[in-house]
Amino acid sequence: MSAQSDLSSKVTIATLKAKKSAQEKITALTAYDAAFAGVLDASGVDFVLVGDSLGMVVQGRDTTISVTVDEIVYHSQLVSRGLERSLLMADMPFMSYATPDDCLRNAARMMKEGNAEVVKLEWGALEIDMVYRLTECGVPVCAHLGLTPQAIHKYGGYKVQGREAGAAIQMKKDALELEQAGADILLLECVPMTLAQEITDQAKIPVIGIGAGQQVDGQILVLYDVLDIAPGKRTRFSKNYMEQESSIQAAVSAYVREVQLGEFPTAEYAFK
């Protein structure tokens, strides 16, 4: 039985790597509570991210900056109660991994208190060392490249990353170094689709995209965008599945099906 068709086995890092090897698409969504987590789990979503996006879609803030470790741990606890099959990933919030001690202490809280199985770090100058250290301690890591919302004030807005030749070369170098440091998954956000494909072809670990085109190993979206309940302006790369379905369960299942079949994202949800 293929990794894609087996909906009874618990998803692990090994499952995701097997999917990449078999060229089967990986599906992921965010969740922030047990009820929605149960819907995602029943729909066959491979992994669920407790994202610091909760600061915007749940708390109604303009950025993710104010989200705390306590809040991620709390929401991870809730989500874990709704999951049986899906892998649980949790975001490390802004400044929660600024020093090695902070990084290890907060990652431990994510896993011991929040029941997370993978932690996600946004790219920064110190992340290579942090990934090495977490890997040494047995912590699975997802490294986030491209648009990193925790650095939104540095970027001056939500902008596509990697369009300039120098930036693209650096991103490919960063991706390789993060993999060598022990990262188990790469996440690319708002990256030109040709660059995302080059990174995916280069990487031996799964590459997940959000606004990174179709030629990555899998897709993730914010659940509230999929269900058209997110406040504010819709992101270019998100799709409202409630337009075509009559229930939340059907909308999530449609997203999973379209990703698995390679029908999402089409060019209108990607960047050149």
C-alpha atoms as a PDB file:
ATOM      1  CA  MET A   1       0.000   0.000   0.000  1.00  0.00           C
ATOM      2  CA  SER A   2       1.351   3.428  -0.897  1.00  0.00           C
ATOM      3  CA  ALA A   3       2.119   6.107   1.659  1.00  0.00           C
ATOM      4  CA  GLN A   4      -0.603   8.242   0.071  1.00  0.00           C
ATOM      5  CA  SER A   5      -3.394   5.671   0.242  1.00  0.00           C
ATOM      6  CA  ASP A   6      -2.771   4.404   3.772  1.00  0.00           C
ATOM      7  CA  LEU A   7      -5.087   6.454   5.984  1.00  0.00           C
ATOM      8  CA  SER A   8      -4.826   4.192   9.027  1.00  0.00           C
ATOM      9  CA  SER A   9      -1.126   4.446   9.916  1.00  0.00           C
ATOM     10  CA  LYS A  10       0.269   7.229  12.102  1.00  0.00           C
ATOM     11  CA  VAL A  11       2.153   9.793  10.016  1.00  0.00           C
ATOM     12  CA  THR A  12       5.793  10.275  11.001  1.00  0.00           C
ATOM     13  CA  ILE A  13       8.814  12.058   9.558  1.00  0.00           C
ATOM     14  CA  ALA A  14       9.649   8.766   7.844  1.00  0.00           C
ATOM     15  CA  THR A  15       6.198   8.776   6.212  1.00  0.00           C
ATOM     16  CA  LEU A  16       6.797  12.231   4.742  1.00  0.00           C
ATOM     17  CA  LYS A  17      10.234  11.247   3.438  1.00  0.00           C
ATOM     18  CA  ALA A  18       8.748   8.112   1.874  1.00  0.00           C
ATOM     19  CA  LYS A  19       6.146  10.257   0.128  1.00  0.00           C
ATOM     20  CA  LYS A  20       8.863  12.447  -1.348  1.00  0.00           C
ATOM     21  CA  SER A  21      10.705   9.379  -2.614  1.00  0.00           C
ATOM     22  CA  ALA A  22       7.492   7.981  -4.122  1.00  0.00           C
ATOM     23  CA  GLN A  23       6.597  11.404  -5.600  1.00  0.00           C
ATOM     24  CA  GLU A  24       3.340  11.443  -3.637  1.00  0.00           C
ATOM     25  CA  LYS A  25       2.148  14.870  -2.564  1.00  0.00           C
ATOM     26  CA  ILE A  26       2.126  15.784   1.129  1.00  0.00           C
ATOM     27  CA  THR A  27      -0.891  17.662   2.515  1.00  0.00           C
ATOM     28  CA  ALA A  28      -0.902  20.033   5.481  1.00  0.00           C
ATOM     29  CA  LEU A  29      -3.090  22.694   7.082  1.00  0.00           C
ATOM     30  CA  THR A  30      -2.996  24.820  10.205  1.00  0.00           C
ATOM     31  CA  ALA A  31      -5.314  24.243  13.172  1.00  0.00           C
ATOM     32  CA  TYR A  32      -5.696  25.836  16.577  1.00  0.00           C
ATOM     33  CA  ASP A  33      -8.245  23.667  18.440  1.00  0.00           C
ATOM     34  CA  ALA A  34      -9.369  20.072  18.874  1.00  0.00           C
ATOM     35  CA  ALA A  35     -12.559  20.305  16.806  1.00  0.00           C
ATOM     36  CA  PHE A  36     -10.900  21.539  13.618  1.00  0.00           C
ATOM     37  CA  ALA A  37      -7.957  19.189  14.228  1.00  0.00           C
ATOM     38  CA  GLY A  38     -10.371  16.260  14.192  1.00  0.00           C
ATOM     39  CA  VAL A  39     -11.801  17.387  10.864  1.00  0.00           C
ATOM     40  CA  LEU A  40      -8.332  17.627   9.338  1.00  0.00           C
ATOM     41  CA  ASP A  41      -7.290  14.257  10.733  1.00  0.00           C
ATOM     42  CA  ALA A  42     -10.403  12.556   9.337  1.00  0.00           C
ATOM     43  CA  SER A  43      -9.796  14.167   5.937  1.00  0.00           C
ATOM     44  CA  GLY A  44      -6.364  12.581   5.563  1.00  0.00           C
ATOM     45  CA  VAL A  45      -4.187  15.655   6.157  1.00  0.00           C
ATOM     46  CA  ASP A  46      -0.619  14.439   6.646  1.00  0.00           C
ATOM     47  CA  PHE A  47       0.494  17.034   9.161  1.00  0.00           C
ATOM     48  CA  VAL A  48      -1.160  19.809  11.121  1.00  0.00           C
ATOM     49  CA  LEU A  49       0.676  22.995  12.032  1.00  0.00           C
ATOM     50  CA  VAL A  50      -0.154  25.006  15.122  1.00  0.00           C
ATOM     51  CA  GLY A  51       1.059  28.176  13.482  1.00  0.00           C
ATOM     52  CA  ASP A  52       1.794  31.528  15.004  1.00  0.00           C
ATOM     53  CA  SER A  53      -0.719  32.624  12.365  1.00  0.00           C
ATOM     54  CA  LEU A  54      -3.122  32.208  15.285  1.00  0.00           C
ATOM     55  CA  GLY A  55      -2.079  35.730  16.255  1.00  0.00           C
ATOM     56  CA  MET A  56      -3.781  37.020  13.117  1.00  0.00           C
ATOM     57  CA  VAL A  57      -6.667  34.630  12.378  1.00  0.00           C
ATOM     58  CA  VAL A  58      -7.647  33.790  15.973  1.00  0.00           C
ATOM     59  CA  GLN A  59      -6.507  36.809  17.987  1.00  0.00           C
ATOM     60  CA  GLY A  60      -7.209  39.412  15.299  1.00  0.00           C
ATOM     61  CA  ARG A  61      -3.764  41.018  15.340  1.00  0.00           C
ATOM     62  CA  ASP A  62      -1.945  42.532  12.365  1.00  0.00           C
ATOM     63  CA  THR A  63       1.163  40.336  12.645  1.00  0.00           C
ATOM     64  CA  THR A  64       2.385  37.145  14.318  1.00  0.00           C
ATOM     65  CA  ILE A  65       4.954  38.986  16.451  1.00  0.00           C
ATOM     66  CA  SER A  66       2.987  39.051  19.716  1.00  0.00           C
ATOM     67  CA  VAL A  67       2.278  35.306  19.902  1.00  0.00           C
ATOM     68  CA  THR A  68       3.878  33.709  22.963  1.00  0.00           C
ATOM     69  CA  VAL A  69       5.322  30.295  23.744  1.00  0.00           C
ATOM     70  CA  ASP A  70       2.559  29.760  26.305  1.00  0.00           C
ATOM     71  CA  GLU A  71      -0.074  30.369  23.614  1.00  0.00           C
ATOM     72  CA  ILE A  72       1.520  27.951  21.138  1.00  0.00           C
ATOM     73  CA  VAL A  73       1.844  25.301  23.862  1.00  0.00           C
ATOM     74  CA  TYR A  74      -1.807  25.783  24.856  1.00  0.00           C
ATOM     75  CA  HIS A  75      -3.134  25.553  21.303  1.00  0.00           C
ATOM     76  CA  SER A  76      -0.866  22.565  20.569  1.00  0.00           C
ATOM     77  CA  GLN A  77      -2.381  20.771  23.545  1.00  0.00           C
ATOM     78  CA  LEU A  78      -5.850  21.401  22.130  1.00  0.00           C
ATOM     79  CA  VAL A  79      -4.946  20.294  18.625  1.00  0.00           C
ATOM     80  CA  SER A  80      -3.212  17.141  19.850  1.00  0.00           C
ATOM     81  CA  ARG A  81      -6.488  15.993  21.415  1.00  0.00           C
ATOM     82  CA  GLY A  82      -8.151  16.008  18.003  1.00  0.00           C
ATOM     83  CA  LEU A  83      -5.468  14.055  16.160  1.00  0.00           C
ATOM     84  CA  GLU A  84      -5.005  10.334  15.754  1.00  0.00           C
ATOM     85  CA  ARG A  85      -3.143   9.954  12.452  1.00  0.00           C
ATOM     86  CA  SER A  86      -1.776  13.364  11.439  1.00  0.00           C
ATOM     87  CA  LEU A  87       1.684  14.533  12.524  1.00  0.00           C
ATOM     88  CA  LEU A  88       1.643  17.572  14.821  1.00  0.00           C
ATOM     89  CA  MET A  89       4.022  20.478  14.125  1.00  0.00           C
ATOM     90  CA  ALA A  90       4.276  23.639  16.231  1.00  0.00           C
ATOM     91  CA  ASP A  91       5.734  27.051  15.432  1.00  0.00           C
ATOM     92  CA  MET A  92       8.493  28.496  17.569  1.00  0.00           C
ATOM     93  CA  PRO A  93       7.259  32.084  18.123  1.00  0.00           C
ATOM     94  CA  PHE A  94       9.208  35.295  17.539  1.00  0.00           C
ATOM     95  CA  MET A  95      12.334  35.533  19.747  1.00  0.00           C
ATOM     96  CA  SER A  96      11.669  32.144  21.369  1.00  0.00           C
ATOM     97  CA  TYR A  97      14.901  30.736  19.882  1.00  0.00           C
ATOM     98  CA  ALA A  98      17.181  33.797  19.955  1.00  0.00           C
ATOM     99  CA  THR A  99      19.744  31.967  22.107  1.00  0.00           C
ATOM    100  CA  PRO A 100      20.642  28.263  22.301  1.00  0.00           C
ATOM    101  CA  ASP A 101      19.268  28.012  25.836  1.00  0.00           C
ATOM    102  CA  ASP A 102      15.973  29.646  24.836  1.00  0.00           C
ATOM    103  CA  CYS A 103      15.726  27.413  21.783  1.00  0.00           C
ATOM    104  CA  LEU A 104      16.222  24.145  23.651  1.00  0.00           C
ATOM    105  CA  ARG A 105      14.011  25.125  26.577  1.00  0.00           C
ATOM    106  CA  ASN A 106      11.123  26.271  24.396  1.00  0.00           C
ATOM    107  CA  ALA A 107      11.391  23.360  21.962  1.00  0.00           C
ATOM    108  CA  ALA A 108      11.229  21.036  24.954  1.00  0.00           C
ATOM    109  CA  ARG A 109       8.041  22.776  26.110  1.00  0.00           C
ATOM    110  CA  MET A 110       6.500  22.399  22.647  1.00  0.00           C
ATOM    111  CA  MET A 111       7.089  18.657  22.750  1.00  0.00           C
ATOM    112  CA  LYS A 112       6.653  17.825  26.458  1.00  0.00           C
ATOM    113  CA  GLU A 113       3.722  20.129  27.223  1.00  0.00           C
ATOM    114  CA  GLY A 114       2.235  20.773  23.788  1.00  0.00           C
ATOM    115  CA  ASN A 115       2.688  17.227  22.421  1.00  0.00           C
ATOM    116  CA  ALA A 116       4.308  18.562  19.242  1.00  0.00           C
ATOM    117  CA  GLU A 117       6.227  16.049  17.136  1.00  0.00           C
ATOM    118  CA  VAL A 118       8.090  18.639  15.029  1.00  0.00           C
ATOM    119  CA  VAL A 119       9.040  22.251  15.741  1.00  0.00           C
ATOM    120  CA  LYS A 120       9.282  24.913  13.023  1.00  0.00           C
ATOM    121  CA  LEU A 121      11.819  27.750  12.993  1.00  0.00           C
ATOM    122  CA  GLU A 122      11.799  30.716  10.644  1.00  0.00           C
ATOM    123  CA  TRP A 123      15.088  31.474   8.928  1.00  0.00           C
ATOM    124  CA  GLY A 124      17.528  33.799  10.674  1.00  0.00           C
ATOM    125  CA  ALA A 125      21.264  34.239  11.027  1.00  0.00           C
ATOM    126  CA  LEU A 126      21.455  31.840  13.980  1.00  0.00           C
ATOM    127  CA  GLU A 127      19.162  29.115  12.712  1.00  0.00           C
ATOM    128  CA  ILE A 128      21.872  26.779  11.369  1.00  0.00           C
ATOM    129  CA  ASP A 129      23.387  26.444  14.842  1.00  0.00           C
ATOM    130  CA  MET A 130      19.942  26.000  16.385  1.00  0.00           C
ATOM    131  CA  VAL A 131      19.050  23.216  13.939  1.00  0.00           C
ATOM    132  CA  TYR A 132      22.311  21.420  14.715  1.00  0.00           C
ATOM    133  CA  ARG A 133      21.654  21.636  18.442  1.00  0.00           C
ATOM    134  CA  LEU A 134      18.027  20.555  18.232  1.00  0.00           C
ATOM    135  CA  THR A 135      18.995  17.630  16.000  1.00  0.00           C
ATOM    136  CA  GLU A 136      21.646  16.544  18.517  1.00  0.00           C
ATOM    137  CA  CYS A 137      18.893  16.489  21.153  1.00  0.00           C
ATOM    138  CA  GLY A 138      16.539  14.415  19.006  1.00  0.00           C
ATOM    139  CA  VAL A 139      14.105  17.203  18.124  1.00  0.00           C
ATOM    140  CA  PRO A 140      12.625  16.985  14.595  1.00  0.00           C
ATOM    141  CA  VAL A 141      12.866  20.360  12.842  1.00  0.00           C
ATOM    142  CA  CYS A 142      11.093  22.124   9.980  1.00  0.00           C
ATOM    143  CA  ALA A 143      13.089  25.088   8.628  1.00  0.00           C
ATOM    144  CA  HIS A 144      11.058  27.941   7.132  1.00  0.00           C
ATOM    145  CA  LEU A 145      12.581  29.906   4.207  1.00  0.00           C
ATOM    146  CA  GLY A 146      11.333  32.657   1.902  1.00  0.00           C
ATOM    147  CA  LEU A 147       8.831  35.064   3.391  1.00  0.00           C
ATOM    148  CA  THR A 148       9.185  34.666   7.142  1.00  0.00           C
ATOM    149  CA  PRO A 149       6.342  36.590   8.835  1.00  0.00           C
ATOM    150  CA  GLN A 150       8.260  37.041  12.086  1.00  0.00           C
ATOM    151  CA  ALA A 151      10.611  39.335  10.123  1.00  0.00           C
ATOM    152  CA  ILE A 152       7.772  41.336   8.571  1.00  0.00           C
ATOM    153  CA  HIS A 153       8.976  44.660   9.978  1.00  0.00           C
ATOM    154  CA  LYS A 154      12.414  44.067   8.448  1.00  0.00           C
ATOM    155  CA  TYR A 155      10.888  43.289   5.033  1.00  0.00           C
ATOM    156  CA  GLY A 156       8.546  46.251   5.210  1.00  0.00           C
ATOM    157  CA  GLY A 157       5.566  44.159   4.163  1.00  0.00           C
ATOM    158  CA  TYR A 158       4.496  40.741   2.899  1.00  0.00           C
ATOM    159  CA  LYS A 159       6.631  40.391  -0.237  1.00  0.00           C
ATOM    160  CA  VAL A 160       7.763  37.561  -2.496  1.00  0.00           C
ATOM    161  CA  GLN A 161      11.320  36.481  -1.648  1.00  0.00           C
ATOM    162  CA  GLY A 162      14.019  35.160  -3.997  1.00  0.00           C
ATOM    163  CA  ARG A 163      13.206  36.978  -7.223  1.00  0.00           C
ATOM    164  CA  GLU A 164      16.621  38.633  -7.480  1.00  0.00           C
ATOM    165  CA  ALA A 165      19.454  36.386  -8.681  1.00  0.00           C
ATOM    166  CA  GLY A 166      21.587  36.901  -5.589  1.00  0.00           C
ATOM    167  CA  ALA A 167      18.694  36.212  -3.230  1.00  0.00           C
ATOM    168  CA  ALA A 168      17.807  33.033  -5.132  1.00  0.00           C
ATOM    169  CA  ILE A 169      21.383  31.739  -4.942  1.00  0.00           C
ATOM    170  CA  GLN A 170      21.483  32.484  -1.215  1.00  0.00           C
ATOM    171  CA  MET A 171      18.168  30.718  -0.586  1.00  0.00           C
ATOM    172  CA  LYS A 172      19.384  27.570  -2.349  1.00  0.00           C
ATOM    173  CA  LYS A 173      22.580  27.706  -0.282  1.00  0.00           C
ATOM    174  CA  ASP A 174      20.585  28.204   2.936  1.00  0.00           C
ATOM    175  CA  ALA A 175      18.315  25.272   2.094  1.00  0.00           C
ATOM    176  CA  LEU A 176      21.272  22.962   1.557  1.00  0.00           C
ATOM    177  CA  GLU A 177      22.991  24.073   4.768  1.00  0.00           C
ATOM    178  CA  LEU A 178      19.806  23.615   6.791  1.00  0.00           C
ATOM    179  CA  GLU A 179      19.400  20.088   5.444  1.00  0.00           C
ATOM    180  CA  GLN A 180      23.024  19.305   6.263  1.00  0.00           C
ATOM    181  CA  ALA A 181      22.464  20.712   9.757  1.00  0.00           C
ATOM    182  CA  GLY A 182      19.733  18.136  10.302  1.00  0.00           C
ATOM    183  CA  ALA A 183      16.472  19.792   9.268  1.00  0.00           C
ATOM    184  CA  ASP A 184      13.846  17.148   8.492  1.00  0.00           C
ATOM    185  CA  ILE A 185      11.514  19.359   6.430  1.00  0.00           C
ATOM    186  CA  LEU A 186      11.824  22.634   4.531  1.00  0.00           C
ATOM    187  CA  LEU A 187       8.927  25.060   4.181  1.00  0.00           C
ATOM    188  CA  LEU A 188       9.034  27.679   1.414  1.00  0.00           C
ATOM    189  CA  GLU A 189       6.673  30.655   1.628  1.00  0.00           C
ATOM    190  CA  CYS A 190       6.053  33.186  -1.161  1.00  0.00           C
ATOM    191  CA  VAL A 191       8.910  31.972  -3.362  1.00  0.00           C
ATOM    192  CA  PRO A 192       8.938  32.028  -7.195  1.00  0.00           C
ATOM    193  CA  MET A 193       7.840  28.634  -8.469  1.00  0.00           C
ATOM    194  CA  THR A 194      10.989  28.020 -10.524  1.00  0.00           C
ATOM    195  CA  LEU A 195      13.209  28.653  -7.506  1.00  0.00           C
ATOM    196  CA  ALA A 196      10.985  26.445  -5.337  1.00  0.00           C
ATOM    197  CA  GLN A 197      11.333  23.632  -7.880  1.00  0.00           C
ATOM    198  CA  GLU A 198      15.128  23.994  -7.930  1.00  0.00           C
ATOM    199  CA  ILE A 199      15.279  23.775  -4.136  1.00  0.00           C
ATOM    200  CA  THR A 200      12.930  20.776  -4.144  1.00  0.00           C
ATOM    201  CA  ASP A 201      15.023  18.963  -6.752  1.00  0.00           C
ATOM    202  CA  GLN A 202      18.178  19.694  -4.754  1.00  0.00           C
ATOM    203  CA  ALA A 203      16.789  18.621  -1.366  1.00  0.00           C
ATOM    204  CA  LYS A 204      16.681  15.061  -0.088  1.00  0.00           C
ATOM    205  CA  ILE A 205      14.155  16.055   2.574  1.00  0.00           C
ATOM    206  CA  PRO A 206      10.496  16.996   1.903  1.00  0.00           C
ATOM    207  CA  VAL A 207       9.862  20.557   0.737  1.00  0.00           C
ATOM    208  CA  ILE A 208       6.444  22.029   1.561  1.00  0.00           C
ATOM    209  CA  GLY A 209       5.159  25.127  -0.185  1.00  0.00           C
ATOM    210  CA  ILE A 210       2.771  27.939   0.601  1.00  0.00           C
ATOM    211  CA  GLY A 211       2.701  30.302  -2.336  1.00  0.00           C
ATOM    212  CA  ALA A 212       5.622  28.379  -3.875  1.00  0.00           C
ATOM    213  CA  GLY A 213       3.963  26.711  -6.850  1.00  0.00           C
ATOM    214  CA  GLN A 214       3.130  23.123  -7.667  1.00  0.00           C
ATOM    215  CA  GLN A 215       6.556  21.512  -8.088  1.00  0.00           C
ATOM    216  CA  VAL A 216       7.286  21.125  -4.380  1.00  0.00           C
ATOM    217  CA  ASP A 217       6.676  17.936  -2.394  1.00  0.00           C
ATOM    218  CA  GLY A 218       3.554  19.178  -0.633  1.00  0.00           C
ATOM    219  CA  GLN A 219       1.326  22.111   0.232  1.00  0.00           C
ATOM    220  CA  ILE A 220       0.174  23.899   3.352  1.00  0.00           C
ATOM    221  CA  LEU A 221      -2.446  26.622   3.776  1.00  0.00           C
ATOM    222  CA  VAL A 222      -4.006  28.430   6.710  1.00  0.00           C
ATOM    223  CA  LEU A 223      -7.245  26.589   7.477  1.00  0.00           C
ATOM    224  CA  TYR A 224      -9.204  29.796   7.954  1.00  0.00           C
ATOM    225  CA  ASP A 225      -8.316  30.825   4.381  1.00  0.00           C
ATOM    226  CA  VAL A 226      -9.487  27.469   3.031  1.00  0.00           C
ATOM    227  CA  LEU A 227     -12.800  27.928   4.870  1.00  0.00           C
ATOM    228  CA  ASP A 228     -13.094  31.652   3.998  1.00  0.00           C
ATOM    229  CA  ILE A 229     -13.324  32.761   7.621  1.00  0.00           C
ATOM    230  CA  ALA A 230     -10.014  34.605   7.885  1.00  0.00           C
ATOM    231  CA  PRO A 231     -10.288  38.334   8.625  1.00  0.00           C
ATOM    232  CA  GLY A 232      -8.801  40.876   6.243  1.00  0.00           C
ATOM    233  CA  LYS A 233      -7.602  40.604   2.649  1.00  0.00           C
ATOM    234  CA  ARG A 234      -7.200  37.120   1.145  1.00  0.00           C
ATOM    235  CA  THR A 235      -3.633  36.121   0.318  1.00  0.00           C
ATOM    236  CA  ARG A 236      -2.789  35.576  -3.349  1.00  0.00           C
ATOM    237  CA  PHE A 237      -1.776  31.957  -2.786  1.00  0.00           C
ATOM    238  CA  SER A 238      -4.812  30.777  -0.778  1.00  0.00           C
ATOM    239  CA  LYS A 239      -7.981  29.207  -2.183  1.00  0.00           C
ATOM    240  CA  ASN A 240     -11.501  29.365  -0.752  1.00  0.00           C
ATOM    241  CA  TYR A 241     -12.768  25.777  -0.881  1.00  0.00           C
ATOM    242  CA  MET A 242     -16.113  26.706   0.646  1.00  0.00           C
ATOM    243  CA  GLU A 243     -17.073  28.208  -2.721  1.00  0.00           C
ATOM    244  CA  GLN A 244     -17.331  24.734  -4.200  1.00  0.00           C
ATOM    245  CA  GLU A 245     -18.360  22.619  -1.198  1.00  0.00           C
ATOM    246  CA  SER A 246     -21.313  22.566   1.211  1.00  0.00           C
ATOM    247  CA  SER A 247     -19.548  21.601   4.454  1.00  0.00           C
ATOM    248  CA  ILE A 248     -16.278  22.128   6.289  1.00  0.00           C
ATOM    249  CA  GLN A 249     -15.406  18.436   6.046  1.00  0.00           C
ATOM    250  CA  ALA A 250     -16.052  18.437   2.296  1.00  0.00           C
ATOM    251  CA  ALA A 251     -13.965  21.592   1.806  1.00  0.00           C
ATOM    252  CA  VAL A 252     -10.964  20.143   3.646  1.00  0.00           C
ATOM    253  CA  SER A 253     -11.304  16.849   1.795  1.00  0.00           C
ATOM    254  CA  ALA A 254     -11.432  18.717  -1.522  1.00  0.00           C
ATOM    255  CA  TYR A 255      -8.210  20.535  -0.650  1.00  0.00           C
ATOM    256  CA  VAL A 256      -6.494  17.255   0.254  1.00  0.00           C
ATOM    257  CA  ARG A 257      -7.709  15.618  -2.954  1.00  0.00           C
ATOM    258  CA  GLU A 258      -6.613  18.503  -5.197  1.00  0.00           C
ATOM    259  CA  VAL A 259      -3.137  18.618  -3.651  1.00  0.00           C
ATOM    260  CA  GLN A 260      -2.707  14.865  -3.979  1.00  0.00           C
ATOM    261  CA  LEU A 261      -3.793  14.952  -7.636  1.00  0.00           C
ATOM    262  CA  GLY A 262      -1.600  17.937  -8.444  1.00  0.00           C
ATOM    263  CA  GLU A 263      -4.620  20.139  -9.194  1.00  0.00           C
ATOM    264  CA  PHE A 264      -3.704  22.705  -6.548  1.00  0.00           C
ATOM    265  CA  PRO A 265      -1.975  25.101  -6.735  1.00  0.00           C
ATOM    266  CA  THR A 266      -2.510  26.253 -10.300  1.00  0.00           C
ATOM    267  CA  ALA A 267      -0.538  29.165 -11.729  1.00  0.00           C
ATOM    268  CA  GLU A 268      -2.977  31.742 -10.366  1.00  0.00           C
ATOM    269  CA  TYR A 269      -1.989  30.761  -6.826  1.00  0.00           C
ATOM    270  CA  ALA A 270       1.776  30.926  -7.492  1.00  0.00           C
ATOM    271  CA  PHE A 271       4.457  33.542  -8.167  1.00  0.00           C
ATOM    272  CA  LYS A 272       6.834  33.868 -11.110  1.00  0.00           C
END
